[in-house]
Amino acid sequence: MFFSLDRIEDGGVCVLIADDGQKYDVPLNALPPHDGIGSIFRYENETYLFDRTETTTRRKRIAEKRRRLFDKAK
């Protein structure tokens, strides 16, 4: 399962959203270095792993959807 970094709240708590929509509060220090909001993580062996490939794939897909939406609005 993948988790998306939704936000970082005061006090160093990160809100992760799982692919099934569940929200999880995770301490910032439990996450490895990442690319900020929208970063995608996998959870394996009780550890969050930053998945750069999945992050890039999802960001490209979102950018394409946004482009199509704005083109349609013109």
PDB file of N, CA and C in Angstrom:
ATOM      1  N   MET A   1       0.841  -1.174   0.000  1.00  0.00           N
ATOM      2  CA  MET A   1       0.000   0.000   0.000  1.00  0.00           C
ATOM      3  C   MET A   1       0.887   1.239   0.000  1.00  0.00           C
ATOM      4  N   PHE A   2       0.402   2.273  -0.669  1.00  0.00           N
ATOM      5  CA  PHE A   2       1.120   3.538  -0.724  1.00  0.00           C
ATOM      6  C   PHE A   2       0.448   4.564   0.178  1.00  0.00           C
ATOM      7  N   PHE A   3       1.246   5.533   0.626  1.00  0.00           N
ATOM      8  CA  PHE A   3       0.781   6.627   1.460  1.00  0.00           C
ATOM      9  C   PHE A   3       1.285   7.933   0.873  1.00  0.00           C
ATOM     10  N   SER A   4       0.413   8.927   0.832  1.00  0.00           N
ATOM     11  CA  SER A   4       0.769  10.237   0.312  1.00  0.00           C
ATOM     12  C   SER A   4       0.896  11.215   1.474  1.00  0.00           C
ATOM     13  N   LEU A   5       1.956  12.040   1.447  1.00  0.00           N
ATOM     14  CA  LEU A   5       2.138  13.056   2.476  1.00  0.00           C
ATOM     15  C   LEU A   5       1.178  14.203   2.184  1.00  0.00           C
ATOM     16  N   ASP A   6       0.153  14.328   3.015  1.00  0.00           N
ATOM     17  CA  ASP A   6      -0.883  15.340   2.828  1.00  0.00           C
ATOM     18  C   ASP A   6      -0.457  16.684   3.402  1.00  0.00           C
ATOM     19  N   ARG A   7       0.112  16.659   4.605  1.00  0.00           N
ATOM     20  CA  ARG A   7       0.541  17.907   5.241  1.00  0.00           C
ATOM     21  C   ARG A   7       1.437  17.604   6.431  1.00  0.00           C
ATOM     22  N   ILE A   8       2.161  18.642   6.845  1.00  0.00           N
ATOM     23  CA  ILE A   8       2.983  18.581   8.052  1.00  0.00           C
ATOM     24  C   ILE A   8       2.412  19.618   9.003  1.00  0.00           C
ATOM     25  N   GLU A   9       1.976  19.174  10.159  1.00  0.00           N
ATOM     26  CA  GLU A   9       1.350  20.055  11.130  1.00  0.00           C
ATOM     27  C   GLU A   9       2.367  20.525  12.162  1.00  0.00           C
ATOM     28  N   ASP A  10       1.969  21.568  12.896  1.00  0.00           N
ATOM     29  CA  ASP A  10       2.814  22.051  13.984  1.00  0.00           C
ATOM     30  C   ASP A  10       3.102  20.900  14.938  1.00  0.00           C
ATOM     31  N   GLY A  11       4.281  20.903  15.494  1.00  0.00           N
ATOM     32  CA  GLY A  11       4.662  19.847  16.415  1.00  0.00           C
ATOM     33  C   GLY A  11       5.314  18.667  15.731  1.00  0.00           C
ATOM     34  N   GLY A  12       5.545  18.787  14.428  1.00  0.00           N
ATOM     35  CA  GLY A  12       6.254  17.728  13.716  1.00  0.00           C
ATOM     36  C   GLY A  12       5.437  16.482  13.443  1.00  0.00           C
ATOM     37  N   VAL A  13       4.122  16.647  13.285  1.00  0.00           N
ATOM     38  CA  VAL A  13       3.259  15.514  12.958  1.00  0.00           C
ATOM     39  C   VAL A  13       2.897  15.594  11.482  1.00  0.00           C
ATOM     40  N   CYS A  14       3.083  14.496  10.784  1.00  0.00           N
ATOM     41  CA  CYS A  14       2.737  14.414   9.367  1.00  0.00           C
ATOM     42  C   CYS A  14       1.425  13.661   9.224  1.00  0.00           C
ATOM     43  N   VAL A  15       0.599  14.116   8.311  1.00  0.00           N
ATOM     44  CA  VAL A  15      -0.639  13.412   7.999  1.00  0.00           C
ATOM     45  C   VAL A  15      -0.419  12.693   6.672  1.00  0.00           C
ATOM     46  N   LEU A  16      -0.504  11.377   6.731  1.00  0.00           N
ATOM     47  CA  LEU A  16      -0.380  10.545   5.537  1.00  0.00           C
ATOM     48  C   LEU A  16      -1.760  10.027   5.170  1.00  0.00           C
ATOM     49  N   ILE A  17      -2.035   9.984   3.871  1.00  0.00           N
ATOM     50  CA  ILE A  17      -3.293   9.441   3.368  1.00  0.00           C
ATOM     51  C   ILE A  17      -2.967   8.169   2.597  1.00  0.00           C
ATOM     52  N   ALA A  18      -3.553   7.068   3.049  1.00  0.00           N
ATOM     53  CA  ALA A  18      -3.347   5.790   2.369  1.00  0.00           C
ATOM     54  C   ALA A  18      -4.179   5.747   1.095  1.00  0.00           C
ATOM     55  N   ASP A  19      -3.842   4.833   0.207  1.00  0.00           N
ATOM     56  CA  ASP A  19      -4.584   4.688  -1.041  1.00  0.00           C
ATOM     57  C   ASP A  19      -6.064   4.399  -0.805  1.00  0.00           C
ATOM     58  N   ASP A  20      -6.396   3.814   0.341  1.00  0.00           N
ATOM     59  CA  ASP A  20      -7.800   3.521   0.645  1.00  0.00           C
ATOM     60  C   ASP A  20      -8.517   4.692   1.320  1.00  0.00           C
ATOM     61  N   GLY A  21      -7.806   5.847   1.475  1.00  0.00           N
ATOM     62  CA  GLY A  21      -8.410   7.044   2.029  1.00  0.00           C
ATOM     63  C   GLY A  21      -8.233   7.225   3.535  1.00  0.00           C
ATOM     64  N   GLN A  22      -7.722   6.224   4.216  1.00  0.00           N
ATOM     65  CA  GLN A  22      -7.490   6.328   5.662  1.00  0.00           C
ATOM     66  C   GLN A  22      -6.391   7.340   5.949  1.00  0.00           C
ATOM     67  N   LYS A  23      -6.557   8.109   7.034  1.00  0.00           N
ATOM     68  CA  LYS A  23      -5.562   9.097   7.445  1.00  0.00           C
ATOM     69  C   LYS A  23      -4.744   8.545   8.599  1.00  0.00           C
ATOM     70  N   TYR A  24      -3.451   8.839   8.576  1.00  0.00           N
ATOM     71  CA  TYR A  24      -2.548   8.392   9.625  1.00  0.00           C
ATOM     72  C   TYR A  24      -1.681   9.560  10.062  1.00  0.00           C
ATOM     73  N   ASP A  25      -1.582   9.765  11.368  1.00  0.00           N
ATOM     74  CA  ASP A  25      -0.663  10.754  11.929  1.00  0.00           C
ATOM     75  C   ASP A  25       0.648  10.050  12.250  1.00  0.00           C
ATOM     76  N   VAL A  26       1.734  10.575  11.686  1.00  0.00           N
ATOM     77  CA  VAL A  26       3.046   9.958  11.829  1.00  0.00           C
ATOM     78  C   VAL A  26       4.042  11.041  12.232  1.00  0.00           C
ATOM     79  N   PRO A  27       4.910  10.759  13.196  1.00  0.00           N
ATOM     80  CA  PRO A  27       5.927  11.756  13.547  1.00  0.00           C
ATOM     81  C   PRO A  27       6.838  12.043  12.350  1.00  0.00           C
ATOM     82  N   LEU A  28       7.173  13.303  12.168  1.00  0.00           N
ATOM     83  CA  LEU A  28       8.045  13.689  11.059  1.00  0.00           C
ATOM     84  C   LEU A  28       9.349  12.902  11.069  1.00  0.00           C
ATOM     85  N   ASN A  29       9.871  12.637  12.256  1.00  0.00           N
ATOM     86  CA  ASN A  29      11.151  11.919  12.324  1.00  0.00           C
ATOM     87  C   ASN A  29      11.022  10.433  11.976  1.00  0.00           C
ATOM     88  N   ALA A  30       9.790   9.946  11.731  1.00  0.00           N
ATOM     89  CA  ALA A  30       9.593   8.561  11.297  1.00  0.00           C
ATOM     90  C   ALA A  30       9.692   8.432   9.780  1.00  0.00           C
ATOM     91  N   LEU A  31       9.738   9.593   9.083  1.00  0.00           N
ATOM     92  CA  LEU A  31       9.825   9.571   7.625  1.00  0.00           C
ATOM     93  C   LEU A  31      11.250   9.846   7.166  1.00  0.00           C
ATOM     94  N   PRO A  32      11.657   9.191   6.091  1.00  0.00           N
ATOM     95  CA  PRO A  32      12.977   9.458   5.526  1.00  0.00           C
ATOM     96  C   PRO A  32      12.957  10.780   4.757  1.00  0.00           C
ATOM     97  N   PRO A  33      14.104  11.262   4.321  1.00  0.00           N
ATOM     98  CA  PRO A  33      14.115  12.458   3.461  1.00  0.00           C
ATOM     99  C   PRO A  33      13.190  12.224   2.256  1.00  0.00           C
ATOM    100  N   HIS A  34      12.492  13.286   1.852  1.00  0.00           N
ATOM    101  CA  HIS A  34      11.496  13.164   0.790  1.00  0.00           C
ATOM    102  C   HIS A  34      11.410  14.473   0.027  1.00  0.00           C
ATOM    103  N   ASP A  35      10.456  14.569  -0.912  1.00  0.00           N
ATOM    104  CA  ASP A  35      10.291  15.748  -1.767  1.00  0.00           C
ATOM    105  C   ASP A  35       9.163  16.668  -1.304  1.00  0.00           C
ATOM    106  N   GLY A  36       8.762  16.574  -0.047  1.00  0.00           N
ATOM    107  CA  GLY A  36       7.736  17.464   0.486  1.00  0.00           C
ATOM    108  C   GLY A  36       6.325  16.951   0.284  1.00  0.00           C
ATOM    109  N   ILE A  37       5.370  17.880   0.390  1.00  0.00           N
ATOM    110  CA  ILE A  37       3.964  17.539   0.278  1.00  0.00           C
ATOM    111  C   ILE A  37       3.718  16.810  -1.041  1.00  0.00           C
ATOM    112  N   GLY A  38       2.947  15.743  -0.970  1.00  0.00           N
ATOM    113  CA  GLY A  38       2.669  14.932  -2.153  1.00  0.00           C
ATOM    114  C   GLY A  38       3.623  13.775  -2.338  1.00  0.00           C
ATOM    115  N   SER A  39       4.663  13.704  -1.510  1.00  0.00           N
ATOM    116  CA  SER A  39       5.590  12.576  -1.601  1.00  0.00           C
ATOM    117  C   SER A  39       4.861  11.280  -1.290  1.00  0.00           C
ATOM    118  N   ILE A  40       5.283  10.208  -1.946  1.00  0.00           N
ATOM    119  CA  ILE A  40       4.654   8.900  -1.782  1.00  0.00           C
ATOM    120  C   ILE A  40       5.625   7.979  -1.028  1.00  0.00           C
ATOM    121  N   PHE A  41       5.039   7.250  -0.069  1.00  0.00           N
ATOM    122  CA  PHE A  41       5.811   6.321   0.751  1.00  0.00           C
ATOM    123  C   PHE A  41       5.189   4.934   0.676  1.00  0.00           C
ATOM    124  N   ARG A  42       6.029   3.933   0.857  1.00  0.00           N
ATOM    125  CA  ARG A  42       5.602   2.548   1.064  1.00  0.00           C
ATOM    126  C   ARG A  42       5.951   2.214   2.513  1.00  0.00           C
ATOM    127  N   TYR A  43       5.203   1.323   3.127  1.00  0.00           N
ATOM    128  CA  TYR A  43       5.492   0.901   4.491  1.00  0.00           C
ATOM    129  C   TYR A  43       5.912  -0.552   4.450  1.00  0.00           C
ATOM    130  N   GLU A  44       7.176  -0.800   4.773  1.00  0.00           N
ATOM    131  CA  GLU A  44       7.723  -2.156   4.746  1.00  0.00           C
ATOM    132  C   GLU A  44       8.572  -2.383   5.978  1.00  0.00           C
ATOM    133  N   ASN A  45       8.410  -3.529   6.589  1.00  0.00           N
ATOM    134  CA  ASN A  45       9.211  -3.904   7.754  1.00  0.00           C
ATOM    135  C   ASN A  45       9.197  -2.811   8.818  1.00  0.00           C
ATOM    136  N   GLU A  46       7.992  -2.282   9.073  1.00  0.00           N
ATOM    137  CA  GLU A  46       7.781  -1.264  10.104  1.00  0.00           C
ATOM    138  C   GLU A  46       8.549   0.031   9.835  1.00  0.00           C
ATOM    139  N   THR A  47       8.799   0.313   8.553  1.00  0.00           N
ATOM    140  CA  THR A  47       9.531   1.513   8.160  1.00  0.00           C
ATOM    141  C   THR A  47       8.871   2.141   6.942  1.00  0.00           C
ATOM    142  N   TYR A  48       8.784   3.467   6.943  1.00  0.00           N
ATOM    143  CA  TYR A  48       8.304   4.191   5.763  1.00  0.00           C
ATOM    144  C   TYR A  48       9.470   4.406   4.813  1.00  0.00           C
ATOM    145  N   LEU A  49       9.257   4.092   3.550  1.00  0.00           N
ATOM    146  CA  LEU A  49      10.274   4.256   2.520  1.00  0.00           C
ATOM    147  C   LEU A  49       9.760   5.232   1.477  1.00  0.00           C
ATOM    148  N   PHE A  50      10.545   6.261   1.185  1.00  0.00           N
ATOM    149  CA  PHE A  50      10.178   7.225   0.150  1.00  0.00           C
ATOM    150  C   PHE A  50      10.290   6.553  -1.206  1.00  0.00           C
ATOM    151  N   ASP A  51       9.231   6.630  -2.000  1.00  0.00           N
ATOM    152  CA  ASP A  51       9.208   6.022  -3.326  1.00  0.00           C
ATOM    153  C   ASP A  51       9.245   7.130  -4.375  1.00  0.00           C
ATOM    154  N   ARG A  52      10.443   7.468  -4.808  1.00  0.00           N
ATOM    155  CA  ARG A  52      10.632   8.559  -5.760  1.00  0.00           C
ATOM    156  C   ARG A  52       9.939   8.281  -7.094  1.00  0.00           C
ATOM    157  N   THR A  53      10.002   7.052  -7.562  1.00  0.00           N
ATOM    158  CA  THR A  53       9.391   6.703  -8.840  1.00  0.00           C
ATOM    159  C   THR A  53       7.875   6.882  -8.785  1.00  0.00           C
ATOM    160  N   GLU A  54       7.248   6.383  -7.733  1.00  0.00           N
ATOM    161  CA  GLU A  54       5.794   6.518  -7.606  1.00  0.00           C
ATOM    162  C   GLU A  54       5.400   7.983  -7.416  1.00  0.00           C
ATOM    163  N   THR A  55       6.215   8.738  -6.678  1.00  0.00           N
ATOM    164  CA  THR A  55       5.955  10.170  -6.490  1.00  0.00           C
ATOM    165  C   THR A  55       5.958  10.881  -7.834  1.00  0.00           C
ATOM    166  N   THR A  56       6.963  10.625  -8.642  1.00  0.00           N
ATOM    167  CA  THR A  56       7.081  11.258  -9.958  1.00  0.00           C
ATOM    168  C   THR A  56       5.918  10.857 -10.862  1.00  0.00           C
ATOM    169  N   THR A  57       5.582   9.583 -10.864  1.00  0.00           N
ATOM    170  CA  THR A  57       4.478   9.087 -11.691  1.00  0.00           C
ATOM    171  C   THR A  57       3.170   9.764 -11.329  1.00  0.00           C
ATOM    172  N   ARG A  58       2.878   9.845 -10.045  1.00  0.00           N
ATOM    173  CA  ARG A  58       1.609  10.449  -9.612  1.00  0.00           C
ATOM    174  C   ARG A  58       1.592  11.949  -9.865  1.00  0.00           C
ATOM    175  N   ARG A  59       2.704  12.620  -9.666  1.00  0.00           N
ATOM    176  CA  ARG A  59       2.739  14.067  -9.917  1.00  0.00           C
ATOM    177  C   ARG A  59       2.530  14.364 -11.396  1.00  0.00           C
ATOM    178  N   LYS A  60       3.103  13.545 -12.278  1.00  0.00           N
ATOM    179  CA  LYS A  60       2.903  13.732 -13.713  1.00  0.00           C
ATOM    180  C   LYS A  60       1.446  13.505 -14.086  1.00  0.00           C
ATOM    181  N   ARG A  61       0.838  12.479 -13.503  1.00  0.00           N
ATOM    182  CA  ARG A  61      -0.569  12.184 -13.789  1.00  0.00           C
ATOM    183  C   ARG A  61      -1.469  13.337 -13.330  1.00  0.00           C
ATOM    184  N   ILE A  62      -1.198  13.878 -12.154  1.00  0.00           N
ATOM    185  CA  ILE A  62      -1.985  15.005 -11.637  1.00  0.00           C
ATOM    186  C   ILE A  62      -1.792  16.240 -12.505  1.00  0.00           C
ATOM    187  N   ALA A  63      -0.553  16.503 -12.922  1.00  0.00           N
ATOM    188  CA  ALA A  63      -0.280  17.668 -13.776  1.00  0.00           C
ATOM    189  C   ALA A  63      -1.031  17.545 -15.103  1.00  0.00           C
ATOM    190  N   GLU A  64      -1.084  16.346 -15.656  1.00  0.00           N
ATOM    191  CA  GLU A  64      -1.797  16.136 -16.913  1.00  0.00           C
ATOM    192  C   GLU A  64      -3.294  16.334 -16.725  1.00  0.00           C
ATOM    193  N   LYS A  65      -3.856  15.836 -15.630  1.00  0.00           N
ATOM    194  CA  LYS A  65      -5.282  16.047 -15.353  1.00  0.00           C
ATOM    195  C   LYS A  65      -5.585  17.530 -15.186  1.00  0.00           C
ATOM    196  N   ARG A  66      -4.705  18.243 -14.490  1.00  0.00           N
ATOM    197  CA  ARG A  66      -4.887  19.684 -14.283  1.00  0.00           C
ATOM    198  C   ARG A  66      -4.839  20.421 -15.621  1.00  0.00           C
ATOM    199  N   ARG A  67      -3.887  20.047 -16.481  1.00  0.00           N
ATOM    200  CA  ARG A  67      -3.769  20.688 -17.793  1.00  0.00           C
ATOM    201  C   ARG A  67      -5.032  20.479 -18.612  1.00  0.00           C
ATOM    202  N   ARG A  68      -5.553  19.232 -18.611  1.00  0.00           N
ATOM    203  CA  ARG A  68      -6.768  18.947 -19.376  1.00  0.00           C
ATOM    204  C   ARG A  68      -7.964  19.725 -18.814  1.00  0.00           C
ATOM    205  N   LEU A  69      -8.042  19.845 -17.507  1.00  0.00           N
ATOM    206  CA  LEU A  69      -9.134  20.575 -16.885  1.00  0.00           C
ATOM    207  C   LEU A  69      -9.094  22.048 -17.274  1.00  0.00           C
ATOM    208  N   PHE A  70      -7.917  22.659 -17.225  1.00  0.00           N
ATOM    209  CA  PHE A  70      -7.803  24.071 -17.590  1.00  0.00           C
ATOM    210  C   PHE A  70      -8.029  24.280 -19.086  1.00  0.00           C
ATOM    211  N   ASP A  71      -7.576  23.337 -19.908  1.00  0.00           N
ATOM    212  CA  ASP A  71      -7.835  23.444 -21.345  1.00  0.00           C
ATOM    213  C   ASP A  71      -9.333  23.374 -21.631  1.00  0.00           C
ATOM    214  N   LYS A  72     -10.040  22.537 -20.894  1.00  0.00           N
ATOM    215  CA  LYS A  72     -11.474  22.379 -21.079  1.00  0.00           C
ATOM    216  C   LYS A  72     -12.214  23.646 -20.641  1.00  0.00           C
ATOM    217  N   ALA A  73     -11.687  24.340 -19.636  1.00  0.00           N
ATOM    218  CA  ALA A  73     -12.339  25.545 -19.109  1.00  0.00           C
ATOM    219  C   ALA A  73     -12.170  26.752 -20.024  1.00  0.00           C
ATOM    220  N   LYS A  74     -11.226  26.703 -20.944  1.00  0.00           N
ATOM    221  CA  LYS A  74     -10.978  27.840 -21.833  1.00  0.00           C
ATOM    222  C   LYS A  74     -12.078  28.020 -22.845  1.00  0.00           C
TER     223      LYS A  74
END
